[in-house]
C-alpha atoms as a PDB file:
ATOM      1  CA  MET A   1      17.611 -16.558  -6.129  1.00  0.00           C
ATOM      2  CA  LEU A   2      16.867 -13.217  -4.702  1.00  0.00           C
ATOM      3  CA  GLN A   3      13.366 -12.466  -3.566  1.00  0.00           C
ATOM      4  CA  GLU A   4      12.094  -8.993  -4.047  1.00  0.00           C
ATOM      5  CA  ARG A   5      10.502  -7.532  -0.935  1.00  0.00           C
ATOM      6  CA  LYS A   6       7.756  -5.080  -1.532  1.00  0.00           C
ATOM      7  CA  LYS A   7       7.767  -2.325   1.003  1.00  0.00           C
ATOM      8  CA  LEU A   8       4.613  -0.407   1.662  1.00  0.00           C
ATOM      9  CA  LEU A   9       5.005   3.184   2.671  1.00  0.00           C
ATOM     10  CA  THR A  10       3.602   4.381   5.993  1.00  0.00           C
ATOM     11  CA  PRO A  11       0.911   7.017   5.801  1.00  0.00           C
ATOM     12  CA  HIS A  12       3.488   9.615   6.930  1.00  0.00           C
ATOM     13  CA  GLU A  13       5.980   8.545   4.259  1.00  0.00           C
ATOM     14  CA  ALA A  14       3.291   8.494   1.555  1.00  0.00           C
ATOM     15  CA  LEU A  15       2.112  11.993   2.530  1.00  0.00           C
ATOM     16  CA  SER A  16       5.659  13.355   2.555  1.00  0.00           C
ATOM     17  CA  ALA A  17       6.265  11.791  -0.886  1.00  0.00           C
ATOM     18  CA  LEU A  18       3.025  13.211  -2.250  1.00  0.00           C
ATOM     19  CA  VAL A  19       3.897  16.768  -0.984  1.00  0.00           C
ATOM     20  CA  ILE A  20       7.377  16.469  -2.555  1.00  0.00           C
ATOM     21  CA  LEU A  21       6.031  15.235  -5.819  1.00  0.00           C
ATOM     22  CA  LEU A  22       3.411  17.968  -6.117  1.00  0.00           C
ATOM     23  CA  SER A  23       5.880  20.707  -4.970  1.00  0.00           C
ATOM     24  CA  ASN A  24       8.389  19.713  -7.712  1.00  0.00           C
ATOM     25  CA  THR A  25       6.047  19.430 -10.654  1.00  0.00           C
ATOM     26  CA  GLU A  26       4.451  21.948 -13.010  1.00  0.00           C
ATOM     27  CA  PRO A  27       1.201  23.294 -11.518  1.00  0.00           C
ATOM     28  CA  SER A  28      -1.180  21.311 -13.747  1.00  0.00           C
ATOM     29  CA  PRO A  29      -4.802  21.245 -12.708  1.00  0.00           C
ATOM     30  CA  VAL A  30      -5.304  17.948 -14.452  1.00  0.00           C
ATOM     31  CA  LEU A  31      -2.435  16.284 -12.580  1.00  0.00           C
ATOM     32  CA  LEU A  32      -3.531  17.726  -9.216  1.00  0.00           C
ATOM     33  CA  SER A  33      -7.083  16.559  -9.844  1.00  0.00           C
ATOM     34  CA  LYS A  34      -6.067  13.016 -10.909  1.00  0.00           C
ATOM     35  CA  ILE A  35      -3.707  12.614  -7.932  1.00  0.00           C
ATOM     36  CA  LEU A  36      -5.739  14.317  -5.200  1.00  0.00           C
ATOM     37  CA  THR A  37      -9.412  13.684  -5.978  1.00  0.00           C
ATOM     38  CA  PRO A  38      -9.392   9.996  -5.047  1.00  0.00           C
ATOM     39  CA  ILE A  39      -7.721  10.728  -1.642  1.00  0.00           C
ATOM     40  CA  ILE A  40      -9.516  13.951  -0.717  1.00  0.00           C
ATOM     41  CA  PRO A  41     -12.093  12.201   1.554  1.00  0.00           C
ATOM     42  CA  GLU A  42      -9.176  10.531   3.500  1.00  0.00           C
ATOM     43  CA  LEU A  43      -7.223  13.761   3.628  1.00  0.00           C
ATOM     44  CA  TYR A  44     -10.274  15.601   4.911  1.00  0.00           C
ATOM     45  CA  LEU A  45     -10.900  12.960   7.605  1.00  0.00           C
ATOM     46  CA  LEU A  46      -7.172  13.002   8.493  1.00  0.00           C
ATOM     47  CA  SER A  47      -7.418  16.810   8.826  1.00  0.00           C
ATOM     48  CA  TYR A  48     -10.510  16.487  10.966  1.00  0.00           C
ATOM     49  CA  ASP A  49      -8.949  13.975  13.302  1.00  0.00           C
ATOM     50  CA  LEU A  50      -5.716  15.933  13.384  1.00  0.00           C
ATOM     51  CA  ASP A  51      -7.519  19.137  14.493  1.00  0.00           C
ATOM     52  CA  LYS A  52      -8.736  17.299  17.600  1.00  0.00           C
ATOM     53  CA  VAL A  53      -5.130  16.575  18.696  1.00  0.00           C
ATOM     54  CA  LYS A  54      -3.615  19.590  20.373  1.00  0.00           C
ATOM     55  CA  THR A  55      -0.074  18.184  20.275  1.00  0.00           C
ATOM     56  CA  ALA A  56      -0.170  17.346  16.544  1.00  0.00           C
ATOM     57  CA  ASP A  57       2.744  18.201  14.319  1.00  0.00           C
ATOM     58  CA  PRO A  58       2.120  21.715  12.884  1.00  0.00           C
ATOM     59  CA  HIS A  59       4.058  20.790   9.704  1.00  0.00           C
ATOM     60  CA  LEU A  60       1.702  17.817   9.172  1.00  0.00           C
ATOM     61  CA  LYS A  61      -1.363  20.025   9.611  1.00  0.00           C
ATOM     62  CA  GLU A  62       0.090  22.567   7.235  1.00  0.00           C
ATOM     63  CA  SER A  63       0.874  19.927   4.558  1.00  0.00           C
ATOM     64  CA  ILE A  64      -2.608  18.452   4.659  1.00  0.00           C
ATOM     65  CA  SER A  65      -4.247  21.906   4.665  1.00  0.00           C
ATOM     66  CA  GLY A  66      -2.075  22.850   1.693  1.00  0.00           C
ATOM     67  CA  LEU A  67      -3.125  19.821  -0.255  1.00  0.00           C
ATOM     68  CA  LEU A  68      -6.836  20.408   0.474  1.00  0.00           C
ATOM     69  CA  LEU A  69      -6.503  24.080  -0.388  1.00  0.00           C
ATOM     70  CA  SER A  70      -4.631  23.427  -3.604  1.00  0.00           C
ATOM     71  CA  TRP A  71      -7.224  20.868  -4.673  1.00  0.00           C
ATOM     72  CA  GLY A  72     -10.070  23.231  -3.865  1.00  0.00           C
ATOM     73  CA  LYS A  73      -8.618  26.000  -5.996  1.00  0.00           C
ATOM     74  CA  ILE A  74      -8.223  23.913  -9.121  1.00  0.00           C
ATOM     75  CA  ILE A  75     -11.152  21.537  -9.072  1.00  0.00           C
ATOM     76  CA  ASP A  76     -14.293  22.167 -11.239  1.00  0.00           C
ATOM     77  CA  GLN A  77     -17.609  22.578  -9.477  1.00  0.00           C
ATOM     78  CA  ALA A  78     -19.146  19.250 -10.524  1.00  0.00           C
ATOM     79  CA  GLU A  79     -16.114  17.103  -9.460  1.00  0.00           C
ATOM     80  CA  GLY A  80     -15.648  19.075  -6.281  1.00  0.00           C
ATOM     81  CA  SER A  81     -19.316  18.769  -5.267  1.00  0.00           C
ATOM     82  CA  ARG A  82     -19.290  15.005  -5.965  1.00  0.00           C
ATOM     83  CA  THR A  83     -16.112  14.478  -4.001  1.00  0.00           C
ATOM     84  CA  LEU A  84     -17.245  16.630  -1.022  1.00  0.00           C
ATOM     85  CA  TRP A  85     -20.715  14.995  -1.064  1.00  0.00           C
ATOM     86  CA  SER A  86     -18.980  11.605  -0.817  1.00  0.00           C
ATOM     87  CA  ILE A  87     -17.437  12.801   2.521  1.00  0.00           C
ATOM     88  CA  VAL A  88     -20.936  13.795   3.766  1.00  0.00           C
ATOM     89  CA  GLU A  89     -22.576  10.517   2.592  1.00  0.00           C
ATOM     90  CA  GLY A  90     -19.856   8.186   3.661  1.00  0.00           C
ATOM     91  CA  ASN A  91     -19.944   7.498   7.343  1.00  0.00           C
ATOM     92  CA  LYS A  92     -16.642   7.561   9.118  1.00  0.00           C
ATOM     93  CA  SER A  93     -15.619   3.948   8.918  1.00  0.00           C
ATOM     94  CA  SER A  94     -12.159   4.555  10.276  1.00  0.00           C
ATOM     95  CA  GLN A  95     -10.289   6.884  12.543  1.00  0.00           C
ATOM     96  CA  TRP A  96      -6.810   8.361  12.429  1.00  0.00           C
ATOM     97  CA  HIS A  97      -4.558   8.162  15.409  1.00  0.00           C
ATOM     98  CA  PHE A  98      -1.361  10.179  16.148  1.00  0.00           C
ATOM     99  CA  ASP A  99       1.621   9.787  18.411  1.00  0.00           C
ATOM    100  CA  LEU A 100       4.020  12.409  19.811  1.00  0.00           C
ATOM    101  CA  GLU A 101       6.666  11.579  17.194  1.00  0.00           C
ATOM    102  CA  GLY A 102       4.468  12.649  14.320  1.00  0.00           C
ATOM    103  CA  ARG A 103       3.531   9.206  13.070  1.00  0.00           C
ATOM    104  CA  PHE A 104      -0.089   8.480  12.284  1.00  0.00           C
ATOM    105  CA  TRP A 105      -2.146   5.428  11.438  1.00  0.00           C
ATOM    106  CA  LYS A 106      -5.698   4.512  10.727  1.00  0.00           C
ATOM    107  CA  THR A 107      -7.933   1.951  12.487  1.00  0.00           C
ATOM    108  CA  LYS A 108     -11.257   0.691  11.563  1.00  0.00           C
ATOM    109  CA  GLN A 109     -14.254   2.379  13.357  1.00  0.00           C
ATOM    110  CA  TYR A 110     -16.209  -0.851  13.630  1.00  0.00           C
ATOM    111  CA  VAL A 111     -13.928  -1.859  16.543  1.00  0.00           C
ATOM    112  CA  ASP A 112     -15.239   1.177  18.417  1.00  0.00           C
ATOM    113  CA  ASP A 113     -18.726   0.429  17.238  1.00  0.00           C
ATOM    114  CA  MET A 114     -18.489  -3.227  18.482  1.00  0.00           C
ATOM    115  CA  LEU A 115     -17.164  -2.052  21.779  1.00  0.00           C
ATOM    116  CA  LYS A 116     -20.111   0.380  22.105  1.00  0.00           C
ATOM    117  CA  ILE A 117     -22.533  -2.510  21.308  1.00  0.00           C
ATOM    118  CA  TRP A 118     -20.900  -4.788  23.764  1.00  0.00           C
ATOM    119  CA  ILE A 119     -21.038  -2.147  26.488  1.00  0.00           C
ATOM    120  CA  TYR A 120     -24.685  -1.528  25.743  1.00  0.00           C
ATOM    121  CA  LEU A 121     -25.512  -5.213  25.910  1.00  0.00           C
ATOM    122  CA  MET A 122     -23.610  -5.628  29.222  1.00  0.00           C
ATOM    123  CA  ILE A 123     -25.531  -2.666  30.680  1.00  0.00           C
ATOM    124  CA  GLN A 124     -28.845  -4.094  29.507  1.00  0.00           C
ATOM    125  CA  ALA A 125     -27.915  -7.431  30.962  1.00  0.00           C
ATOM    126  CA  ALA A 126     -26.962  -5.852  34.311  1.00  0.00           C
ATOM    127  CA  TRP A 127     -30.252  -3.875  34.460  1.00  0.00           C
ATOM    128  CA  THR A 128     -32.264  -6.976  33.482  1.00  0.00           C
ATOM    129  CA  ASN A 129     -30.507  -9.031  36.165  1.00  0.00           C
ATOM    130  CA  ARG A 130     -31.114  -6.276  38.726  1.00  0.00           C
ATOM    131  CA  TYR A 131     -34.785  -6.044  37.692  1.00  0.00           C
ATOM    132  CA  TYR A 132     -35.220  -9.829  38.216  1.00  0.00           C
ATOM    133  CA  ARG A 133     -33.440  -9.726  41.576  1.00  0.00           C
ATOM    134  CA  ILE A 134     -35.662  -6.812  42.747  1.00  0.00           C
ATOM    135  CA  SER A 135     -38.785  -8.596  41.404  1.00  0.00           C
ATOM    136  CA  TYR A 136     -37.821 -11.821  43.116  1.00  0.00           C
ATOM    137  CA  TYR A 137     -37.055  -9.910  46.365  1.00  0.00           C
ATOM    138  CA  HIS A 138     -40.319  -7.997  46.183  1.00  0.00           C
ATOM    139  CA  ALA A 139     -42.315 -11.196  45.561  1.00  0.00           C
ATOM    140  CA  LYS A 140     -40.555 -12.967  48.477  1.00  0.00           C
ATOM    141  CA  VAL A 141     -41.132 -10.054  50.885  1.00  0.00           C
ATOM    142  CA  HIS A 142     -44.754  -9.460  49.912  1.00  0.00           C
ATOM    143  CA  GLY A 143     -45.636 -13.167  49.548  1.00  0.00           C
ATOM    144  CA  GLU A 144     -46.479 -13.040  45.885  1.00  0.00           C
END
């Protein structure tokens, strides 16, 4: 009995397939809207993170910009406003990372947030410990 293996596409493969699909279909506003609207927030965040990487693949940047621009040209005002407002309201819960070979992947932002909280707590603990040591030393020296 053969077992079927489901293979998930990497983000880079999915983006390439999407660009090929949209490039080879009739330019239908309904199709573009149905395909792109649900992923516009992620494409925008990907574009934002990609702009911070100087060594990013120019073809990747162009593909994402092209998708965002195409969507922006065909979308009606109400749906466009709703989608763009979701980007503003939704805090950035993940971050895109890139390597030199053009691959990219997403990680959860809460890892970074937890690290920041841990560092903050360690600094607070160090300052508290330092305060108690100084207070103890001061009391010992001054006979309090």
